[in-house]
Amino acid sequence: MADKVLGIFAKQPVAGRVKTRLCPPLSPQQAAELYRTCLQETVAAMAGAPAEQVLFYDGDGAFFEETFPGLRLIPQSDGDLGRRLDRAFAQLFAEGYRAAALIGSDSPDLPIPLVADAFAALNNCDLAVAPARDGGYVLIGQSSHSPELFRDMPWSSAELWPATRRRAEQLGLSCRELGTWEDLDDLPSLQRLCRRAPDSPTAQLARRILATSPAQSR
């Protein structure tokens, strides 16, 4: 496992800074509570991935040290998402890892077999991507650092994965497209999580919150 690493991107769950597309029906405080549960569930689940685990955090380091004792923590770099992803990959490969993958902290039921497939694919290809339902991606993995994949890309849009795929082709990178999954970004995706993984701690909390909201729709 020492030659493979999985990085999780995370924000400090501060009201008004996380899951704002869920407000309404959630209040900013409820959205922060939901995100914190989602983050904790993601970290716990990814302990089963076939790789070392690193958390790239945005926020107060003391919060993450207290919440995830024993987990390696690295502050995210400045800049847009592309620069932060690029800098994370650059650091991991500089440390000698042969394969690295990055995920967000808002896919609490991301299947471990999908993550394992990514690392298996990276034994034989340059890039492994699990597309997101909304057109982005929930996981991106590399077997060597390719900074051009993250420059001038349409972040937070439905064109991100198609644009990334085209860029990989232009760069001559071999790419394995994995199964599609989805991020927890809005009310419909939250409702789908509740149906897809009803026993998930995030889904259980979401149902309790939504039960008090007039916008609830199960």
N, C-alpha and C. Protein backbone atom coordinates (compact mmCIF):
# COMPACT_ATOMS: atom_id res chain seq x y z
N MET A 1 0.81 -1.21 0.00
CA MET A 1 0.00 0.00 0.00
C MET A 1 0.84 1.27 0.00
N ALA A 2 2.10 1.19 0.37
CA ALA A 2 2.90 2.39 0.56
C ALA A 2 3.13 3.15 -0.74
N ASP A 3 2.94 2.52 -1.90
CA ASP A 3 3.17 3.22 -3.15
C ASP A 3 1.92 3.87 -3.70
N LYS A 4 0.78 3.76 -3.00
CA LYS A 4 -0.48 4.33 -3.46
C LYS A 4 -1.06 5.22 -2.37
N VAL A 5 -1.68 6.32 -2.80
CA VAL A 5 -2.22 7.25 -1.82
C VAL A 5 -3.55 7.82 -2.32
N LEU A 6 -4.48 7.93 -1.39
CA LEU A 6 -5.79 8.52 -1.66
C LEU A 6 -5.90 9.81 -0.86
N GLY A 7 -6.09 10.91 -1.56
CA GLY A 7 -6.27 12.20 -0.91
C GLY A 7 -7.74 12.59 -0.88
N ILE A 8 -8.20 13.07 0.26
CA ILE A 8 -9.58 13.55 0.42
C ILE A 8 -9.55 15.05 0.59
N PHE A 9 -10.26 15.77 -0.26
CA PHE A 9 -10.35 17.21 -0.14
C PHE A 9 -11.51 17.55 0.80
N ALA A 10 -11.26 18.43 1.75
CA ALA A 10 -12.27 18.74 2.77
C ALA A 10 -12.22 20.20 3.16
N LYS A 11 -13.38 20.72 3.53
CA LYS A 11 -13.50 22.06 4.10
C LYS A 11 -13.93 21.96 5.55
N GLN A 12 -13.56 22.96 6.34
CA GLN A 12 -14.09 23.03 7.69
C GLN A 12 -15.59 23.32 7.60
N PRO A 13 -16.41 22.58 8.32
CA PRO A 13 -17.87 22.74 8.20
C PRO A 13 -18.38 23.98 8.93
N VAL A 14 -18.20 25.12 8.30
CA VAL A 14 -18.64 26.40 8.85
C VAL A 14 -19.92 26.82 8.16
N ALA A 15 -20.93 27.19 8.94
CA ALA A 15 -22.21 27.61 8.38
C ALA A 15 -22.02 28.74 7.39
N GLY A 16 -22.63 28.60 6.23
CA GLY A 16 -22.53 29.61 5.19
C GLY A 16 -21.39 29.39 4.21
N ARG A 17 -20.52 28.42 4.50
CA ARG A 17 -19.37 28.15 3.63
C ARG A 17 -19.43 26.78 2.98
N VAL A 18 -20.32 25.92 3.42
CA VAL A 18 -20.41 24.58 2.87
C VAL A 18 -21.86 24.26 2.51
N LYS A 19 -22.01 23.50 1.43
CA LYS A 19 -23.33 23.01 0.99
C LYS A 19 -24.37 24.13 0.89
N THR A 20 -23.97 25.25 0.32
CA THR A 20 -24.87 26.39 0.22
C THR A 20 -26.00 26.14 -0.78
N ARG A 21 -25.80 25.20 -1.72
CA ARG A 21 -26.88 24.91 -2.68
C ARG A 21 -28.02 24.12 -2.03
N LEU A 22 -27.82 23.69 -0.80
CA LEU A 22 -28.89 23.02 -0.05
C LEU A 22 -29.69 24.00 0.81
N CYS A 23 -29.35 25.27 0.69
CA CYS A 23 -30.00 26.31 1.51
C CYS A 23 -30.80 27.25 0.62
N PRO A 24 -32.12 27.25 0.70
CA PRO A 24 -32.98 26.30 1.40
C PRO A 24 -33.08 24.99 0.63
N PRO A 25 -33.68 23.96 1.22
CA PRO A 25 -34.53 23.96 2.42
C PRO A 25 -33.75 23.93 3.73
N LEU A 26 -32.45 23.58 3.70
CA LEU A 26 -31.70 23.55 4.94
C LEU A 26 -31.29 24.96 5.33
N SER A 27 -31.12 25.18 6.61
CA SER A 27 -30.50 26.42 7.09
C SER A 27 -28.99 26.27 6.92
N PRO A 28 -28.24 27.37 6.91
CA PRO A 28 -26.79 27.26 6.82
C PRO A 28 -26.19 26.37 7.93
N GLN A 29 -26.74 26.45 9.14
CA GLN A 29 -26.23 25.62 10.23
C GLN A 29 -26.53 24.15 9.98
N GLN A 30 -27.73 23.84 9.50
CA GLN A 30 -28.06 22.45 9.19
C GLN A 30 -27.18 21.92 8.05
N ALA A 31 -26.91 22.76 7.06
CA ALA A 31 -26.05 22.35 5.95
C ALA A 31 -24.64 22.04 6.46
N ALA A 32 -24.15 22.84 7.40
CA ALA A 32 -22.82 22.59 7.96
C ALA A 32 -22.80 21.30 8.77
N GLU A 33 -23.87 21.05 9.51
CA GLU A 33 -23.97 19.81 10.28
C GLU A 33 -24.01 18.60 9.34
N LEU A 34 -24.77 18.73 8.27
CA LEU A 34 -24.85 17.65 7.29
C LEU A 34 -23.49 17.40 6.65
N TYR A 35 -22.80 18.47 6.29
CA TYR A 35 -21.48 18.31 5.66
C TYR A 35 -20.49 17.67 6.62
N ARG A 36 -20.52 18.06 7.89
CA ARG A 36 -19.61 17.45 8.85
C ARG A 36 -19.85 15.93 8.94
N THR A 37 -21.10 15.52 8.99
CA THR A 37 -21.41 14.10 9.03
C THR A 37 -20.95 13.41 7.76
N CYS A 38 -21.16 14.06 6.63
CA CYS A 38 -20.74 13.52 5.33
C CYS A 38 -19.23 13.35 5.29
N LEU A 39 -18.50 14.33 5.77
CA LEU A 39 -17.05 14.27 5.81
C LEU A 39 -16.57 13.12 6.70
N GLN A 40 -17.14 13.02 7.88
CA GLN A 40 -16.74 11.96 8.80
C GLN A 40 -17.04 10.58 8.22
N GLU A 41 -18.20 10.46 7.55
CA GLU A 41 -18.55 9.18 6.94
C GLU A 41 -17.59 8.84 5.80
N THR A 42 -17.24 9.84 5.00
CA THR A 42 -16.31 9.61 3.89
C THR A 42 -14.97 9.14 4.40
N VAL A 43 -14.42 9.82 5.40
CA VAL A 43 -13.11 9.44 5.94
C VAL A 43 -13.15 8.03 6.52
N ALA A 44 -14.21 7.72 7.25
CA ALA A 44 -14.32 6.38 7.85
C ALA A 44 -14.41 5.31 6.77
N ALA A 45 -15.20 5.57 5.74
CA ALA A 45 -15.36 4.58 4.67
C ALA A 45 -14.07 4.37 3.91
N MET A 46 -13.35 5.45 3.62
CA MET A 46 -12.14 5.35 2.80
C MET A 46 -10.97 4.71 3.54
N ALA A 47 -11.14 4.46 4.84
CA ALA A 47 -10.12 3.68 5.55
C ALA A 47 -9.99 2.29 4.95
N GLY A 48 -11.03 1.84 4.23
CA GLY A 48 -10.99 0.53 3.60
C GLY A 48 -10.42 0.55 2.20
N ALA A 49 -9.98 1.69 1.70
CA ALA A 49 -9.41 1.77 0.36
C ALA A 49 -8.01 1.18 0.33
N PRO A 50 -7.59 0.63 -0.81
CA PRO A 50 -6.27 -0.01 -0.91
C PRO A 50 -5.15 1.01 -1.13
N ALA A 51 -5.06 1.97 -0.23
CA ALA A 51 -4.06 3.03 -0.35
C ALA A 51 -3.93 3.74 0.98
N GLU A 52 -2.82 4.44 1.15
CA GLU A 52 -2.70 5.32 2.30
C GLU A 52 -3.71 6.46 2.16
N GLN A 53 -4.05 7.06 3.28
CA GLN A 53 -5.08 8.09 3.29
C GLN A 53 -4.48 9.41 3.77
N VAL A 54 -4.78 10.48 3.04
CA VAL A 54 -4.33 11.82 3.39
C VAL A 54 -5.52 12.76 3.25
N LEU A 55 -5.65 13.71 4.15
CA LEU A 55 -6.73 14.68 4.06
C LEU A 55 -6.15 16.05 3.75
N PHE A 56 -6.56 16.62 2.62
CA PHE A 56 -6.17 17.98 2.25
C PHE A 56 -7.28 18.91 2.74
N TYR A 57 -6.94 19.75 3.71
CA TYR A 57 -7.99 20.53 4.37
C TYR A 57 -7.93 22.01 4.03
N ASP A 58 -9.09 22.63 4.14
CA ASP A 58 -9.26 24.07 3.97
C ASP A 58 -9.98 24.56 5.22
N GLY A 59 -9.27 25.33 6.04
CA GLY A 59 -9.86 25.81 7.28
C GLY A 59 -8.87 25.72 8.43
N ASP A 60 -9.40 25.66 9.63
CA ASP A 60 -8.60 25.64 10.85
C ASP A 60 -8.00 24.25 11.06
N GLY A 61 -6.69 24.17 11.03
CA GLY A 61 -6.04 22.88 11.20
C GLY A 61 -6.38 22.23 12.53
N ALA A 62 -6.61 23.03 13.57
CA ALA A 62 -6.92 22.47 14.88
C ALA A 62 -8.22 21.67 14.84
N PHE A 63 -9.19 22.14 14.06
CA PHE A 63 -10.45 21.40 13.94
C PHE A 63 -10.19 20.00 13.37
N PHE A 64 -9.41 19.93 12.31
CA PHE A 64 -9.17 18.65 11.67
C PHE A 64 -8.30 17.74 12.54
N GLU A 65 -7.36 18.31 13.26
CA GLU A 65 -6.54 17.50 14.16
C GLU A 65 -7.39 16.88 15.26
N GLU A 66 -8.34 17.65 15.76
CA GLU A 66 -9.21 17.15 16.83
C GLU A 66 -10.22 16.13 16.29
N THR A 67 -10.73 16.39 15.08
CA THR A 67 -11.78 15.53 14.52
C THR A 67 -11.23 14.23 13.95
N PHE A 68 -10.00 14.29 13.41
CA PHE A 68 -9.41 13.11 12.76
C PHE A 68 -8.01 12.84 13.32
N PRO A 69 -7.93 12.49 14.60
CA PRO A 69 -6.62 12.22 15.20
C PRO A 69 -5.96 11.03 14.52
N GLY A 70 -4.69 11.19 14.22
CA GLY A 70 -3.93 10.10 13.60
C GLY A 70 -3.96 10.12 12.09
N LEU A 71 -4.84 10.90 11.49
CA LEU A 71 -4.90 10.99 10.04
C LEU A 71 -3.93 12.07 9.56
N ARG A 72 -3.18 11.75 8.52
CA ARG A 72 -2.24 12.74 7.99
C ARG A 72 -3.01 13.89 7.37
N LEU A 73 -2.65 15.12 7.73
CA LEU A 73 -3.33 16.32 7.28
C LEU A 73 -2.37 17.22 6.51
N ILE A 74 -2.83 17.74 5.37
CA ILE A 74 -2.04 18.67 4.57
C ILE A 74 -2.94 19.83 4.20
N PRO A 75 -2.53 21.08 4.45
CA PRO A 75 -3.38 22.21 4.05
C PRO A 75 -3.45 22.31 2.53
N GLN A 76 -4.63 22.66 2.03
CA GLN A 76 -4.77 22.90 0.60
C GLN A 76 -4.01 24.17 0.22
N SER A 77 -3.57 24.23 -1.03
CA SER A 77 -2.90 25.43 -1.51
C SER A 77 -3.92 26.52 -1.80
N ASP A 78 -3.44 27.70 -2.09
CA ASP A 78 -4.31 28.79 -2.50
C ASP A 78 -4.71 28.61 -3.96
N GLY A 79 -5.66 29.41 -4.40
CA GLY A 79 -6.04 29.39 -5.80
C GLY A 79 -7.34 28.66 -6.05
N ASP A 80 -7.69 28.54 -7.34
CA ASP A 80 -8.93 27.86 -7.69
C ASP A 80 -8.78 26.35 -7.51
N LEU A 81 -9.87 25.63 -7.77
CA LEU A 81 -9.85 24.19 -7.56
C LEU A 81 -8.78 23.52 -8.40
N GLY A 82 -8.60 23.98 -9.63
CA GLY A 82 -7.59 23.38 -10.48
C GLY A 82 -6.20 23.48 -9.89
N ARG A 83 -5.85 24.65 -9.37
CA ARG A 83 -4.52 24.81 -8.77
C ARG A 83 -4.39 23.95 -7.52
N ARG A 84 -5.45 23.87 -6.73
CA ARG A 84 -5.37 23.08 -5.50
C ARG A 84 -5.21 21.59 -5.81
N LEU A 85 -5.93 21.09 -6.83
CA LEU A 85 -5.76 19.69 -7.23
C LEU A 85 -4.35 19.46 -7.76
N ASP A 86 -3.89 20.36 -8.60
CA ASP A 86 -2.57 20.23 -9.20
C ASP A 86 -1.49 20.20 -8.12
N ARG A 87 -1.57 21.11 -7.15
CA ARG A 87 -0.56 21.18 -6.09
C ARG A 87 -0.61 19.93 -5.21
N ALA A 88 -1.80 19.39 -4.99
CA ALA A 88 -1.91 18.17 -4.19
C ALA A 88 -1.22 17.00 -4.90
N PHE A 89 -1.52 16.83 -6.18
CA PHE A 89 -0.85 15.76 -6.93
C PHE A 89 0.66 15.98 -6.95
N ALA A 90 1.09 17.21 -7.17
CA ALA A 90 2.52 17.50 -7.23
C ALA A 90 3.21 17.09 -5.93
N GLN A 91 2.60 17.41 -4.80
CA GLN A 91 3.21 17.06 -3.52
C GLN A 91 3.27 15.55 -3.32
N LEU A 92 2.21 14.86 -3.66
CA LEU A 92 2.17 13.41 -3.44
C LEU A 92 3.19 12.69 -4.31
N PHE A 93 3.30 13.10 -5.57
CA PHE A 93 4.29 12.44 -6.43
C PHE A 93 5.71 12.81 -6.03
N ALA A 94 5.90 14.03 -5.52
CA ALA A 94 7.23 14.41 -5.05
C ALA A 94 7.66 13.56 -3.85
N GLU A 95 6.69 13.03 -3.12
CA GLU A 95 7.00 12.17 -1.97
C GLU A 95 7.29 10.73 -2.38
N GLY A 96 7.13 10.42 -3.67
CA GLY A 96 7.53 9.11 -4.15
C GLY A 96 6.41 8.12 -4.40
N TYR A 97 5.15 8.55 -4.26
CA TYR A 97 4.05 7.63 -4.56
C TYR A 97 4.01 7.34 -6.05
N ARG A 98 3.65 6.11 -6.40
CA ARG A 98 3.56 5.70 -7.80
C ARG A 98 2.17 5.90 -8.38
N ALA A 99 1.17 6.03 -7.54
CA ALA A 99 -0.20 6.27 -7.98
C ALA A 99 -0.90 7.10 -6.91
N ALA A 100 -1.65 8.08 -7.35
CA ALA A 100 -2.38 8.96 -6.43
C ALA A 100 -3.76 9.23 -6.98
N ALA A 101 -4.75 9.27 -6.10
CA ALA A 101 -6.12 9.60 -6.48
C ALA A 101 -6.66 10.61 -5.49
N LEU A 102 -7.52 11.49 -5.98
CA LEU A 102 -8.15 12.50 -5.14
C LEU A 102 -9.65 12.40 -5.26
N ILE A 103 -10.33 12.56 -4.13
CA ILE A 103 -11.78 12.59 -4.10
C ILE A 103 -12.21 13.78 -3.25
N GLY A 104 -13.49 14.13 -3.33
CA GLY A 104 -14.04 15.14 -2.46
C GLY A 104 -14.55 14.51 -1.18
N SER A 105 -15.25 15.31 -0.40
CA SER A 105 -15.77 14.82 0.89
C SER A 105 -17.29 14.85 0.89
N ASP A 106 -17.89 14.79 -0.29
CA ASP A 106 -19.34 14.85 -0.37
C ASP A 106 -19.92 13.71 -1.21
N SER A 107 -19.26 12.57 -1.17
CA SER A 107 -19.81 11.33 -1.76
C SER A 107 -19.69 10.25 -0.69
N PRO A 108 -20.51 10.33 0.37
CA PRO A 108 -20.29 9.47 1.53
C PRO A 108 -20.47 7.98 1.25
N ASP A 109 -21.20 7.64 0.18
CA ASP A 109 -21.38 6.22 -0.14
C ASP A 109 -20.59 5.81 -1.37
N LEU A 110 -19.53 6.55 -1.68
CA LEU A 110 -18.65 6.17 -2.79
C LEU A 110 -18.14 4.75 -2.55
N PRO A 111 -18.38 3.83 -3.49
CA PRO A 111 -18.02 2.43 -3.23
C PRO A 111 -16.50 2.20 -3.20
N ILE A 112 -16.06 1.46 -2.22
CA ILE A 112 -14.65 1.09 -2.15
C ILE A 112 -14.21 0.33 -3.40
N PRO A 113 -15.04 -0.59 -3.96
CA PRO A 113 -14.61 -1.26 -5.19
C PRO A 113 -14.31 -0.29 -6.33
N LEU A 114 -15.04 0.81 -6.41
CA LEU A 114 -14.76 1.79 -7.45
C LEU A 114 -13.39 2.43 -7.23
N VAL A 115 -13.07 2.75 -5.97
CA VAL A 115 -11.76 3.31 -5.65
C VAL A 115 -10.66 2.28 -5.95
N ALA A 116 -10.91 1.04 -5.59
CA ALA A 116 -9.93 -0.02 -5.87
C ALA A 116 -9.73 -0.17 -7.38
N ASP A 117 -10.82 -0.06 -8.15
CA ASP A 117 -10.69 -0.14 -9.61
C ASP A 117 -9.79 0.97 -10.15
N ALA A 118 -9.89 2.15 -9.55
CA ALA A 118 -9.05 3.26 -10.00
C ALA A 118 -7.57 2.94 -9.81
N PHE A 119 -7.22 2.44 -8.65
CA PHE A 119 -5.81 2.12 -8.41
C PHE A 119 -5.34 0.94 -9.26
N ALA A 120 -6.23 -0.01 -9.50
CA ALA A 120 -5.86 -1.11 -10.39
C ALA A 120 -5.61 -0.60 -11.80
N ALA A 121 -6.46 0.32 -12.26
CA ALA A 121 -6.29 0.87 -13.60
C ALA A 121 -4.98 1.64 -13.72
N LEU A 122 -4.58 2.31 -12.65
CA LEU A 122 -3.36 3.13 -12.69
C LEU A 122 -2.09 2.29 -12.78
N ASN A 123 -2.21 0.98 -12.65
CA ASN A 123 -1.05 0.12 -12.90
C ASN A 123 -0.70 0.10 -14.38
N ASN A 124 -1.69 0.43 -15.23
CA ASN A 124 -1.48 0.28 -16.67
C ASN A 124 -1.85 1.52 -17.49
N CYS A 125 -2.33 2.58 -16.85
CA CYS A 125 -2.70 3.77 -17.61
C CYS A 125 -2.29 5.02 -16.84
N ASP A 126 -2.38 6.15 -17.53
CA ASP A 126 -1.93 7.42 -16.94
C ASP A 126 -2.99 8.07 -16.06
N LEU A 127 -4.24 7.82 -16.38
CA LEU A 127 -5.33 8.57 -15.75
C LEU A 127 -6.51 7.65 -15.51
N ALA A 128 -7.14 7.78 -14.35
CA ALA A 128 -8.37 7.05 -14.03
C ALA A 128 -9.37 8.05 -13.46
N VAL A 129 -10.58 8.04 -13.99
CA VAL A 129 -11.59 9.03 -13.59
C VAL A 129 -12.93 8.35 -13.37
N ALA A 130 -13.58 8.69 -12.27
CA ALA A 130 -14.95 8.28 -12.02
C ALA A 130 -15.83 9.51 -12.27
N PRO A 131 -16.53 9.56 -13.39
CA PRO A 131 -17.35 10.74 -13.70
C PRO A 131 -18.47 10.92 -12.67
N ALA A 132 -18.87 12.16 -12.51
CA ALA A 132 -20.00 12.49 -11.65
C ALA A 132 -21.26 12.59 -12.49
N ARG A 133 -22.38 12.37 -11.87
CA ARG A 133 -23.66 12.46 -12.56
C ARG A 133 -23.88 13.84 -13.17
N ASP A 134 -23.31 14.87 -12.55
CA ASP A 134 -23.55 16.25 -13.01
C ASP A 134 -22.56 16.72 -14.07
N GLY A 135 -21.67 15.84 -14.53
CA GLY A 135 -20.74 16.21 -15.57
C GLY A 135 -19.33 16.48 -15.11
N GLY A 136 -19.12 16.51 -13.81
CA GLY A 136 -17.76 16.64 -13.27
C GLY A 136 -17.17 15.27 -13.03
N TYR A 137 -16.42 15.13 -11.94
CA TYR A 137 -15.94 13.81 -11.56
C TYR A 137 -15.84 13.72 -10.04
N VAL A 138 -16.04 12.51 -9.52
CA VAL A 138 -15.97 12.29 -8.08
C VAL A 138 -14.61 11.75 -7.68
N LEU A 139 -13.84 11.27 -8.63
CA LEU A 139 -12.49 10.75 -8.36
C LEU A 139 -11.65 10.98 -9.59
N ILE A 140 -10.41 11.42 -9.38
CA ILE A 140 -9.43 11.50 -10.45
C ILE A 140 -8.11 10.96 -9.92
N GLY A 141 -7.53 10.06 -10.68
CA GLY A 141 -6.27 9.44 -10.26
C GLY A 141 -5.24 9.53 -11.38
N GLN A 142 -3.98 9.61 -10.99
CA GLN A 142 -2.88 9.70 -11.95
C GLN A 142 -1.77 8.75 -11.55
N SER A 143 -1.04 8.26 -12.54
CA SER A 143 0.16 7.47 -12.27
C SER A 143 1.41 8.30 -12.45
N SER A 144 1.26 9.53 -12.91
CA SER A 144 2.34 10.52 -12.96
C SER A 144 1.69 11.89 -13.03
N HIS A 145 2.45 12.90 -12.65
CA HIS A 145 1.87 14.23 -12.53
C HIS A 145 1.68 14.87 -13.91
N SER A 146 0.46 15.31 -14.20
CA SER A 146 0.14 15.99 -15.46
C SER A 146 -0.57 17.31 -15.14
N PRO A 147 0.18 18.37 -14.88
CA PRO A 147 -0.43 19.65 -14.47
C PRO A 147 -1.41 20.21 -15.49
N GLU A 148 -1.20 19.91 -16.78
CA GLU A 148 -2.06 20.49 -17.81
C GLU A 148 -3.52 20.07 -17.69
N LEU A 149 -3.77 18.98 -16.98
CA LEU A 149 -5.15 18.51 -16.80
C LEU A 149 -6.00 19.48 -15.98
N PHE A 150 -5.36 20.38 -15.27
CA PHE A 150 -6.08 21.24 -14.33
C PHE A 150 -6.00 22.71 -14.68
N ARG A 151 -5.46 23.03 -15.84
CA ARG A 151 -5.32 24.43 -16.23
C ARG A 151 -6.46 24.85 -17.16
N ASP A 152 -7.07 25.98 -16.83
CA ASP A 152 -8.11 26.58 -17.68
C ASP A 152 -9.23 25.59 -17.98
N MET A 153 -9.75 24.97 -16.94
CA MET A 153 -10.84 24.02 -17.10
C MET A 153 -12.15 24.63 -16.59
N PRO A 154 -13.29 24.14 -17.11
CA PRO A 154 -14.60 24.70 -16.70
C PRO A 154 -15.08 24.12 -15.38
N TRP A 155 -14.47 24.54 -14.29
CA TRP A 155 -14.80 24.01 -12.97
C TRP A 155 -16.26 24.31 -12.63
N SER A 156 -16.85 23.40 -11.85
CA SER A 156 -18.23 23.54 -11.38
C SER A 156 -19.21 23.67 -12.53
N SER A 157 -18.97 22.91 -13.59
CA SER A 157 -19.89 22.92 -14.72
C SER A 157 -20.04 21.50 -15.26
N ALA A 158 -21.08 21.30 -16.06
CA ALA A 158 -21.33 19.99 -16.65
C ALA A 158 -20.30 19.63 -17.72
N GLU A 159 -19.45 20.59 -18.10
CA GLU A 159 -18.45 20.35 -19.14
C GLU A 159 -17.11 19.89 -18.60
N LEU A 160 -16.99 19.78 -17.27
CA LEU A 160 -15.67 19.48 -16.71
C LEU A 160 -15.12 18.14 -17.17
N TRP A 161 -15.89 17.05 -17.03
CA TRP A 161 -15.37 15.76 -17.44
C TRP A 161 -15.15 15.67 -18.94
N PRO A 162 -16.09 16.11 -19.79
CA PRO A 162 -15.80 16.09 -21.23
C PRO A 162 -14.55 16.89 -21.59
N ALA A 163 -14.36 18.05 -20.94
CA ALA A 163 -13.18 18.86 -21.23
C ALA A 163 -11.91 18.17 -20.75
N THR A 164 -11.98 17.52 -19.61
CA THR A 164 -10.82 16.79 -19.08
C THR A 164 -10.47 15.62 -20.00
N ARG A 165 -11.48 14.93 -20.48
CA ARG A 165 -11.24 13.80 -21.39
C ARG A 165 -10.57 14.28 -22.67
N ARG A 166 -11.05 15.40 -23.22
CA ARG A 166 -10.43 15.95 -24.42
C ARG A 166 -8.99 16.37 -24.16
N ARG A 167 -8.74 16.98 -23.02
CA ARG A 167 -7.38 17.41 -22.68
C ARG A 167 -6.46 16.20 -22.56
N ALA A 168 -6.94 15.14 -21.94
CA ALA A 168 -6.13 13.92 -21.82
C ALA A 168 -5.78 13.38 -23.20
N GLU A 169 -6.74 13.39 -24.12
CA GLU A 169 -6.47 12.92 -25.48
C GLU A 169 -5.43 13.80 -26.16
N GLN A 170 -5.54 15.11 -25.99
CA GLN A 170 -4.58 16.03 -26.59
C GLN A 170 -3.17 15.81 -26.04
N LEU A 171 -3.09 15.43 -24.77
CA LEU A 171 -1.79 15.20 -24.13
C LEU A 171 -1.25 13.80 -24.39
N GLY A 172 -2.06 12.96 -25.03
CA GLY A 172 -1.62 11.60 -25.29
C GLY A 172 -1.62 10.72 -24.06
N LEU A 173 -2.49 11.03 -23.10
CA LEU A 173 -2.56 10.24 -21.87
C LEU A 173 -3.55 9.10 -22.03
N SER A 174 -3.16 7.93 -21.60
CA SER A 174 -4.10 6.81 -21.59
C SER A 174 -5.03 6.98 -20.40
N CYS A 175 -6.33 6.78 -20.64
CA CYS A 175 -7.33 7.08 -19.61
C CYS A 175 -8.30 5.93 -19.46
N ARG A 176 -8.60 5.59 -18.21
CA ARG A 176 -9.63 4.60 -17.91
C ARG A 176 -10.81 5.32 -17.27
N GLU A 177 -11.97 5.23 -17.92
CA GLU A 177 -13.19 5.81 -17.37
C GLU A 177 -13.88 4.77 -16.51
N LEU A 178 -14.09 5.09 -15.26
CA LEU A 178 -14.69 4.18 -14.29
C LEU A 178 -16.21 4.40 -14.24
N GLY A 179 -16.85 3.71 -13.33
CA GLY A 179 -18.28 3.88 -13.16
C GLY A 179 -18.64 5.27 -12.66
N THR A 180 -19.83 5.70 -13.01
CA THR A 180 -20.32 7.03 -12.61
C THR A 180 -20.88 6.98 -11.19
N TRP A 181 -20.64 8.03 -10.44
CA TRP A 181 -21.23 8.20 -9.11
C TRP A 181 -21.69 9.64 -9.00
N GLU A 182 -22.09 10.08 -7.81
CA GLU A 182 -22.52 11.47 -7.71
C GLU A 182 -22.14 12.11 -6.39
N ASP A 183 -21.94 13.42 -6.47
CA ASP A 183 -21.68 14.24 -5.29
C ASP A 183 -23.01 14.63 -4.65
N LEU A 184 -22.93 14.99 -3.40
CA LEU A 184 -24.09 15.47 -2.65
C LEU A 184 -24.07 17.00 -2.73
N ASP A 185 -24.73 17.53 -3.76
CA ASP A 185 -24.63 18.97 -4.03
C ASP A 185 -25.92 19.74 -3.84
N ASP A 186 -27.07 19.09 -4.04
CA ASP A 186 -28.33 19.81 -4.01
C ASP A 186 -29.41 18.89 -3.44
N LEU A 187 -30.63 19.41 -3.35
CA LEU A 187 -31.71 18.64 -2.74
C LEU A 187 -32.01 17.34 -3.50
N PRO A 188 -32.09 17.34 -4.84
CA PRO A 188 -32.34 16.07 -5.54
C PRO A 188 -31.26 15.01 -5.26
N SER A 189 -30.00 15.41 -5.23
CA SER A 189 -28.95 14.43 -4.96
C SER A 189 -29.01 13.95 -3.51
N LEU A 190 -29.43 14.82 -2.60
CA LEU A 190 -29.60 14.42 -1.21
C LEU A 190 -30.74 13.41 -1.09
N GLN A 191 -31.82 13.65 -1.80
CA GLN A 191 -32.95 12.72 -1.78
C GLN A 191 -32.56 11.37 -2.39
N ARG A 192 -31.76 11.40 -3.44
CA ARG A 192 -31.31 10.14 -4.05
C ARG A 192 -30.42 9.36 -3.09
N LEU A 193 -29.55 10.07 -2.34
CA LEU A 193 -28.73 9.39 -1.34
C LEU A 193 -29.62 8.70 -0.31
N CYS A 194 -30.67 9.38 0.12
CA CYS A 194 -31.57 8.81 1.13
C CYS A 194 -32.23 7.53 0.63
N ARG A 195 -32.51 7.48 -0.66
CA ARG A 195 -33.11 6.27 -1.23
C ARG A 195 -32.06 5.20 -1.51
N ARG A 196 -30.88 5.62 -1.96
CA ARG A 196 -29.85 4.67 -2.38
C ARG A 196 -29.14 4.03 -1.18
N ALA A 197 -28.91 4.81 -0.15
CA ALA A 197 -28.15 4.33 1.01
C ALA A 197 -28.85 4.79 2.28
N PRO A 198 -30.03 4.24 2.57
CA PRO A 198 -30.84 4.73 3.69
C PRO A 198 -30.19 4.59 5.05
N ASP A 199 -29.26 3.64 5.20
CA ASP A 199 -28.61 3.43 6.48
C ASP A 199 -27.36 4.28 6.65
N SER A 200 -26.99 5.03 5.63
CA SER A 200 -25.85 5.94 5.73
C SER A 200 -26.10 6.97 6.83
N PRO A 201 -25.10 7.26 7.68
CA PRO A 201 -25.28 8.30 8.69
C PRO A 201 -25.70 9.64 8.09
N THR A 202 -25.15 9.95 6.91
CA THR A 202 -25.54 11.20 6.26
C THR A 202 -27.00 11.17 5.86
N ALA A 203 -27.46 10.06 5.31
CA ALA A 203 -28.87 9.93 4.91
C ALA A 203 -29.79 9.98 6.13
N GLN A 204 -29.39 9.34 7.20
CA GLN A 204 -30.22 9.35 8.40
C GLN A 204 -30.38 10.77 8.94
N LEU A 205 -29.27 11.52 8.96
CA LEU A 205 -29.35 12.91 9.42
C LEU A 205 -30.19 13.74 8.46
N ALA A 206 -30.02 13.52 7.16
CA ALA A 206 -30.78 14.28 6.17
C ALA A 206 -32.28 14.07 6.35
N ARG A 207 -32.68 12.83 6.60
CA ARG A 207 -34.11 12.56 6.78
C ARG A 207 -34.66 13.29 8.00
N ARG A 208 -33.87 13.32 9.09
CA ARG A 208 -34.33 14.02 10.29
C ARG A 208 -34.48 15.52 10.01
N ILE A 209 -33.53 16.08 9.27
CA ILE A 209 -33.59 17.52 8.97
C ILE A 209 -34.75 17.81 8.02
N LEU A 210 -34.88 17.02 6.96
CA LEU A 210 -35.91 17.26 5.97
C LEU A 210 -37.31 17.05 6.53
N ALA A 211 -37.42 16.21 7.56
CA ALA A 211 -38.73 15.96 8.15
C ALA A 211 -39.32 17.22 8.77
N THR A 212 -38.45 18.19 9.09
CA THR A 212 -38.93 19.43 9.68
C THR A 212 -39.10 20.54 8.65
N SER A 213 -38.81 20.21 7.37
CA SER A 213 -38.84 21.23 6.33
C SER A 213 -40.07 21.05 5.45
N PRO A 214 -40.75 22.13 5.09
CA PRO A 214 -41.91 22.01 4.19
C PRO A 214 -41.50 21.61 2.78
N ALA A 215 -40.18 21.73 2.46
CA ALA A 215 -39.71 21.36 1.12
C ALA A 215 -39.39 19.89 1.01
N GLN A 216 -39.63 19.15 2.11
CA GLN A 216 -39.32 17.73 2.10
C GLN A 216 -40.09 16.99 0.99
N SER A 217 -39.38 16.08 0.36
CA SER A 217 -40.04 15.21 -0.64
C SER A 217 -39.31 13.90 -0.66
N ARG A 218 -39.92 12.88 -0.13
CA ARG A 218 -39.24 11.60 -0.05
C ARG A 218 -39.50 10.76 -1.29
